[in-house]
Every structure is written in structure tokens, then in C-alpha cells.
Amino acid sequence: VLQSRLQAILPGLLVWLDVEDLKDISALEQYIDAVQAIAILITDGYFWSKNCMRELVQCVSMSKPLMAIAERDPAHGGLTEDEARQQCMASQTKFAAWGFDAGTSAHTLADALLNSKPPIVFERVGVFQQAMLRLIVQRLTPQREIYLPGEVGAGRPHRLASPKGTHHVWCSKHNPG
């Protein structure tokens, strides 16, 4: 879904998706070398996959721009940032068995993925997915302001007037987000 939606927003954008476009897993590092930026969907188990970690190690060693997209829904393997960092740090125990360079640090990998810019939360609901896609496109093209068709406030942003009077915001205990 992400691949086709991004290509619809930015015609001509080449989006390479490892699970669909990778022909030879032994050439993963060469594929990573050939791309301009990397978007990594962080889910439970990502940091326990040797090939996912090969991808992250190569990105960091080549100083590729990284974009973390975080799944938050536990039903889909969602993690908080703290849980993602903990899993990344814990994966260090596998690095020797996976044949990673002794200089590879889980701390460095976690910082590169989670600290440079906050992760973009993966959204499945239409209107929220549109906002998520705009954030991804803005990270890919930081020199431009991006507004997608149909977005509220599309066009030049205007400063909102200060509120007059008091306002009440109601938050339901049934909506933890």
C-alpha cells in the first residue's frame, strides 16, 4: 500500500520494496547502496531479523538518510519508541552470530534510526494515512512545503487567531491515543 500510494503522490518516484523487489538476498547491501533514502517500518521482530538488521547496518555504515515509520498498533506488531530501542539494543547479542563487524553498535543503530528525526506513525485510516504520506514526502523533499489534494489547509499555511474565551477538550478513556 505504501509503495503505490507514494508513487501516486510523486509520479516518477521509484520506490523499491525489499519484500517485492529484492531478487537476491545475498545482494541486499548492494541494493541499499543504490538507493537515495531508506524508509524502515519498525514492527515487533524487526530487530530480530538478520536481514532487516543487515539493511539497517548497511544504511548506517553508508550514512544513508533513514526514515523510521513506526507501527503502533499491537495487533500489527506495533511498538513504542522505547520498546523499539530496547529490541534494537537486545539484538546486539546476535551480531557476532550474524557475522556483523565487531565495531557495529546497537546503540549507534538505534540512535540513527530513532533519534535523528522522530518516527512517523504508520496510519491505516484514510484521512490519517494521507497526513502520514505527506510527512513521508516532506522528509523525502525537505526543501519544499507539501500539501496533498483534499487536505484541510492545502496551500499556504496561515497563522491561526488566538482563541477567545475558554474551550473544553474532552478525551475519552476509550481512546488511549
C-alpha atoms as a PDB file:
ATOM      1  CA  VAL A   1       0.000   0.000   0.000  1.00  0.00           C
ATOM      2  CA  LEU A   2       2.725   2.461   0.978  1.00  0.00           C
ATOM      3  CA  GLN A   3       4.638   1.893  -2.241  1.00  0.00           C
ATOM      4  CA  SER A   4       1.686   2.535  -4.567  1.00  0.00           C
ATOM      5  CA  ARG A   5       0.375   5.494  -2.559  1.00  0.00           C
ATOM      6  CA  LEU A   6       3.771   7.227  -2.583  1.00  0.00           C
ATOM      7  CA  GLN A   7       4.146   6.658  -6.323  1.00  0.00           C
ATOM      8  CA  ALA A   8       0.661   8.112  -6.868  1.00  0.00           C
ATOM      9  CA  ILE A   9       1.619  11.254  -4.929  1.00  0.00           C
ATOM     10  CA  LEU A  10       5.028  11.666  -6.559  1.00  0.00           C
ATOM     11  CA  PRO A  11       4.823  10.351 -10.131  1.00  0.00           C
ATOM     12  CA  GLY A  12       8.230   9.201 -11.245  1.00  0.00           C
ATOM     13  CA  LEU A  13       9.315   8.284  -7.726  1.00  0.00           C
ATOM     14  CA  LEU A  14      10.998   4.906  -7.731  1.00  0.00           C
ATOM     15  CA  VAL A  15      10.056   3.017  -4.583  1.00  0.00           C
ATOM     16  CA  TRP A  16      11.976  -0.186  -4.019  1.00  0.00           C
ATOM     17  CA  LEU A  17      10.339  -2.594  -1.599  1.00  0.00           C
ATOM     18  CA  ASP A  18      12.638  -5.336  -0.354  1.00  0.00           C
ATOM     19  CA  VAL A  19       9.938  -7.985   0.065  1.00  0.00           C
ATOM     20  CA  GLU A  20       8.770  -7.489  -3.535  1.00  0.00           C
ATOM     21  CA  ASP A  21      11.778  -6.194  -5.460  1.00  0.00           C
ATOM     22  CA  LEU A  22      14.765  -7.966  -3.915  1.00  0.00           C
ATOM     23  CA  LYS A  23      15.832 -10.701  -6.333  1.00  0.00           C
ATOM     24  CA  ASP A  24      18.883 -11.980  -4.445  1.00  0.00           C
ATOM     25  CA  ILE A  25      19.096 -11.661  -0.655  1.00  0.00           C
ATOM     26  CA  SER A  26      22.877 -12.030  -0.812  1.00  0.00           C
ATOM     27  CA  ALA A  27      22.969  -8.713  -2.722  1.00  0.00           C
ATOM     28  CA  LEU A  28      20.990  -6.784  -0.083  1.00  0.00           C
ATOM     29  CA  GLU A  29      23.866  -4.426   0.706  1.00  0.00           C
ATOM     30  CA  GLN A  30      24.320  -3.566  -2.991  1.00  0.00           C
ATOM     31  CA  TYR A  31      20.620  -2.743  -3.282  1.00  0.00           C
ATOM     32  CA  ILE A  32      20.895  -0.475  -0.234  1.00  0.00           C
ATOM     33  CA  ASP A  33      23.941   1.241  -1.752  1.00  0.00           C
ATOM     34  CA  ALA A  34      21.924   2.075  -4.881  1.00  0.00           C
ATOM     35  CA  VAL A  35      19.046   3.909  -3.160  1.00  0.00           C
ATOM     36  CA  GLN A  36      18.940   7.540  -2.051  1.00  0.00           C
ATOM     37  CA  ALA A  37      16.937   7.166   1.166  1.00  0.00           C
ATOM     38  CA  ILE A  38      15.587   4.341   3.269  1.00  0.00           C
ATOM     39  CA  ALA A  39      12.215   4.056   4.987  1.00  0.00           C
ATOM     40  CA  ILE A  40      12.133   1.356   7.638  1.00  0.00           C
ATOM     41  CA  LEU A  41       8.826   0.087   9.003  1.00  0.00           C
ATOM     42  CA  ILE A  42       9.521  -0.674  12.659  1.00  0.00           C
ATOM     43  CA  THR A  43       7.494  -3.598  13.973  1.00  0.00           C
ATOM     44  CA  ASP A  44       7.893  -6.231  16.642  1.00  0.00           C
ATOM     45  CA  GLY A  45      10.562  -8.628  15.446  1.00  0.00           C
ATOM     46  CA  TYR A  46      12.297  -6.230  13.016  1.00  0.00           C
ATOM     47  CA  PHE A  47      15.409  -6.133  15.189  1.00  0.00           C
ATOM     48  CA  TRP A  48      15.470  -9.946  15.495  1.00  0.00           C
ATOM     49  CA  SER A  49      15.658 -10.464  11.733  1.00  0.00           C
ATOM     50  CA  LYS A  50      19.207 -10.876  10.467  1.00  0.00           C
ATOM     51  CA  ASN A  51      18.311  -9.451   7.043  1.00  0.00           C
ATOM     52  CA  CYS A  52      16.466  -6.470   8.499  1.00  0.00           C
ATOM     53  CA  MET A  53      19.483  -5.726  10.655  1.00  0.00           C
ATOM     54  CA  ARG A  54      21.814  -6.167   7.654  1.00  0.00           C
ATOM     55  CA  GLU A  55      19.714  -3.500   5.972  1.00  0.00           C
ATOM     56  CA  LEU A  56      19.980  -1.136   8.959  1.00  0.00           C
ATOM     57  CA  VAL A  57      23.715  -1.753   9.428  1.00  0.00           C
ATOM     58  CA  GLN A  58      24.367  -1.003   5.742  1.00  0.00           C
ATOM     59  CA  CYS A  59      22.256   2.173   5.880  1.00  0.00           C
ATOM     60  CA  VAL A  60      24.150   3.468   8.893  1.00  0.00           C
ATOM     61  CA  SER A  61      27.577   2.485   7.556  1.00  0.00           C
ATOM     62  CA  MET A  62      26.835   4.270   4.249  1.00  0.00           C
ATOM     63  CA  SER A  63      25.250   7.279   6.026  1.00  0.00           C
ATOM     64  CA  LYS A  64      22.039   6.826   4.047  1.00  0.00           C
ATOM     65  CA  PRO A  65      19.167   9.088   5.096  1.00  0.00           C
ATOM     66  CA  LEU A  66      16.883   6.963   7.281  1.00  0.00           C
ATOM     67  CA  MET A  67      13.177   7.438   7.817  1.00  0.00           C
ATOM     68  CA  ALA A  68      11.595   5.431  10.606  1.00  0.00           C
ATOM     69  CA  ILE A  69       7.945   4.561  10.132  1.00  0.00           C
ATOM     70  CA  ALA A  70       6.571   3.166  13.362  1.00  0.00           C
ATOM     71  CA  GLU A  71       3.723   0.706  13.599  1.00  0.00           C
ATOM     72  CA  ARG A  72       1.951   1.455  16.881  1.00  0.00           C
ATOM     73  CA  ASP A  73      -0.990  -0.984  16.732  1.00  0.00           C
ATOM     74  CA  PRO A  74      -0.089  -4.046  18.844  1.00  0.00           C
ATOM     75  CA  ALA A  75      -2.391  -6.171  16.657  1.00  0.00           C
ATOM     76  CA  HIS A  76       0.010  -5.458  13.775  1.00  0.00           C
ATOM     77  CA  GLY A  77       3.273  -5.812  15.714  1.00  0.00           C
ATOM     78  CA  GLY A  78       3.305  -2.233  16.968  1.00  0.00           C
ATOM     79  CA  LEU A  79       5.992  -0.941  19.291  1.00  0.00           C
ATOM     80  CA  THR A  80       6.550   2.233  21.245  1.00  0.00           C
ATOM     81  CA  GLU A  81       9.833   4.062  20.637  1.00  0.00           C
ATOM     82  CA  ASP A  82      11.143   2.741  23.962  1.00  0.00           C
ATOM     83  CA  GLU A  83      10.235  -0.836  23.021  1.00  0.00           C
ATOM     84  CA  ALA A  84      11.884  -0.423  19.606  1.00  0.00           C
ATOM     85  CA  ARG A  85      15.056   0.911  21.224  1.00  0.00           C
ATOM     86  CA  GLN A  86      15.056  -1.957  23.759  1.00  0.00           C
ATOM     87  CA  GLN A  87      14.673  -4.557  20.992  1.00  0.00           C
ATOM     88  CA  CYS A  88      17.447  -2.949  18.962  1.00  0.00           C
ATOM     89  CA  MET A  89      19.773  -2.912  21.967  1.00  0.00           C
ATOM     90  CA  ALA A  90      18.907  -6.534  22.818  1.00  0.00           C
ATOM     91  CA  SER A  91      19.662  -7.631  19.250  1.00  0.00           C
ATOM     92  CA  GLN A  92      23.346  -6.839  19.889  1.00  0.00           C
ATOM     93  CA  THR A  93      23.635 -10.346  21.341  1.00  0.00           C
ATOM     94  CA  LYS A  94      23.052 -11.772  17.854  1.00  0.00           C
ATOM     95  CA  PHE A  95      25.564  -9.587  15.979  1.00  0.00           C
ATOM     96  CA  ALA A  96      28.530 -11.979  16.257  1.00  0.00           C
ATOM     97  CA  ALA A  97      26.423 -14.959  15.138  1.00  0.00           C
ATOM     98  CA  TRP A  98      25.128 -12.892  12.215  1.00  0.00           C
ATOM     99  CA  GLY A  99      28.714 -12.063  11.185  1.00  0.00           C
ATOM    100  CA  PHE A 100      28.453  -8.311  11.786  1.00  0.00           C
ATOM    101  CA  ASP A 101      31.627  -6.281  12.161  1.00  0.00           C
ATOM    102  CA  ALA A 102      32.763  -6.154  15.769  1.00  0.00           C
ATOM    103  CA  GLY A 103      32.545  -2.351  15.568  1.00  0.00           C
ATOM    104  CA  THR A 104      28.800  -2.458  14.922  1.00  0.00           C
ATOM    105  CA  SER A 105      26.958  -0.997  17.890  1.00  0.00           C
ATOM    106  CA  ALA A 106      23.263  -1.475  18.599  1.00  0.00           C
ATOM    107  CA  HIS A 107      23.321   1.889  20.361  1.00  0.00           C
ATOM    108  CA  THR A 108      24.576   3.588  17.180  1.00  0.00           C
ATOM    109  CA  LEU A 109      21.937   1.807  15.081  1.00  0.00           C
ATOM    110  CA  ALA A 110      19.113   2.742  17.463  1.00  0.00           C
ATOM    111  CA  ASP A 111      20.253   6.380  17.555  1.00  0.00           C
ATOM    112  CA  ALA A 112      20.494   6.577  13.763  1.00  0.00           C
ATOM    113  CA  LEU A 113      17.011   5.142  13.340  1.00  0.00           C
ATOM    114  CA  LEU A 114      15.146   6.737  16.238  1.00  0.00           C
ATOM    115  CA  ASN A 115      16.986   9.934  17.197  1.00  0.00           C
ATOM    116  CA  SER A 116      17.764  11.854  14.010  1.00  0.00           C
ATOM    117  CA  LYS A 117      14.077  12.626  13.415  1.00  0.00           C
ATOM    118  CA  PRO A 118      11.059  11.290  15.265  1.00  0.00           C
ATOM    119  CA  PRO A 119       9.481   8.221  13.686  1.00  0.00           C
ATOM    120  CA  ILE A 120       6.428   8.781  11.517  1.00  0.00           C
ATOM    121  CA  VAL A 121       3.499   6.797  12.885  1.00  0.00           C
ATOM    122  CA  PHE A 122       2.068   4.338  10.362  1.00  0.00           C
ATOM    123  CA  GLU A 123      -1.640   5.002   9.827  1.00  0.00           C
ATOM    124  CA  ARG A 124      -4.274   2.783   8.235  1.00  0.00           C
ATOM    125  CA  VAL A 125      -7.279   5.131   8.411  1.00  0.00           C
ATOM    126  CA  GLY A 126      -7.771   7.217   5.241  1.00  0.00           C
ATOM    127  CA  VAL A 127      -7.526  10.802   6.484  1.00  0.00           C
ATOM    128  CA  PHE A 128      -4.699   9.956   8.890  1.00  0.00           C
ATOM    129  CA  GLN A 129      -2.924   7.920   6.217  1.00  0.00           C
ATOM    130  CA  GLN A 130      -2.969  10.989   3.968  1.00  0.00           C
ATOM    131  CA  ALA A 131      -1.228  13.020   6.686  1.00  0.00           C
ATOM    132  CA  MET A 132       1.310  10.204   7.188  1.00  0.00           C
ATOM    133  CA  LEU A 133       2.057  10.170   3.449  1.00  0.00           C
ATOM    134  CA  ARG A 134       2.564  13.957   3.474  1.00  0.00           C
ATOM    135  CA  LEU A 135       5.084  13.598   6.306  1.00  0.00           C
ATOM    136  CA  ILE A 136       6.972  10.925   4.358  1.00  0.00           C
ATOM    137  CA  VAL A 137       7.030  13.063   1.210  1.00  0.00           C
ATOM    138  CA  GLN A 138       8.203  16.076   3.234  1.00  0.00           C
ATOM    139  CA  ARG A 139      11.107  14.027   4.561  1.00  0.00           C
ATOM    140  CA  LEU A 140      11.975  12.963   1.019  1.00  0.00           C
ATOM    141  CA  THR A 141      11.770  16.533  -0.306  1.00  0.00           C
ATOM    142  CA  PRO A 142      12.683  18.738   2.686  1.00  0.00           C
ATOM    143  CA  GLN A 143      13.233  21.826   0.561  1.00  0.00           C
ATOM    144  CA  ARG A 144       9.534  22.041  -0.355  1.00  0.00           C
ATOM    145  CA  GLU A 145       6.318  22.501   1.599  1.00  0.00           C
ATOM    146  CA  ILE A 146       3.966  19.704   0.648  1.00  0.00           C
ATOM    147  CA  TYR A 147       0.172  19.769   0.716  1.00  0.00           C
ATOM    148  CA  LEU A 148      -1.740  16.875  -0.758  1.00  0.00           C
ATOM    149  CA  PRO A 149      -5.018  17.228  -2.654  1.00  0.00           C
ATOM    150  CA  GLY A 150      -8.008  17.420  -0.344  1.00  0.00           C
ATOM    151  CA  GLU A 151      -6.001  18.236   2.759  1.00  0.00           C
ATOM    152  CA  VAL A 152      -7.513  20.762   5.088  1.00  0.00           C
ATOM    153  CA  GLY A 153      -5.466  23.921   4.801  1.00  0.00           C
ATOM    154  CA  ALA A 154      -3.919  22.921   1.479  1.00  0.00           C
ATOM    155  CA  GLY A 155      -1.948  25.818   0.156  1.00  0.00           C
ATOM    156  CA  ARG A 156      -0.068  28.426   2.075  1.00  0.00           C
ATOM    157  CA  PRO A 157      -0.414  27.965   5.832  1.00  0.00           C
ATOM    158  CA  HIS A 158      -1.979  30.828   7.772  1.00  0.00           C
ATOM    159  CA  ARG A 159      -1.431  31.679  11.398  1.00  0.00           C
ATOM    160  CA  LEU A 160      -4.472  30.836  13.495  1.00  0.00           C
ATOM    161  CA  ALA A 161      -6.041  33.582  15.548  1.00  0.00           C
ATOM    162  CA  SER A 162      -5.729  33.304  19.307  1.00  0.00           C
ATOM    163  CA  PRO A 163      -8.760  31.645  20.884  1.00  0.00           C
ATOM    164  CA  LYS A 164     -11.330  33.898  22.510  1.00  0.00           C
ATOM    165  CA  GLY A 165     -12.907  32.668  25.696  1.00  0.00           C
ATOM    166  CA  THR A 166     -12.437  29.257  27.212  1.00  0.00           C
ATOM    167  CA  HIS A 167     -12.517  25.928  25.482  1.00  0.00           C
ATOM    168  CA  HIS A 168     -13.018  22.455  26.819  1.00  0.00           C
ATOM    169  CA  VAL A 169     -11.427  19.381  25.297  1.00  0.00           C
ATOM    170  CA  TRP A 170     -12.994  16.038  26.098  1.00  0.00           C
ATOM    171  CA  CYS A 171     -10.838  12.920  25.901  1.00  0.00           C
ATOM    172  CA  SER A 172     -12.476   9.541  26.145  1.00  0.00           C
ATOM    173  CA  LYS A 173     -10.850   6.885  28.283  1.00  0.00           C
ATOM    174  CA  HIS A 174     -11.808   4.501  25.437  1.00  0.00           C
ATOM    175  CA  ASN A 175      -9.416   6.261  23.038  1.00  0.00           C
ATOM    176  CA  PRO A 176      -5.928   5.914  24.536  1.00  0.00           C
ATOM    177  CA  GLY A 177      -4.270   7.571  21.509  1.00  0.00           C
END
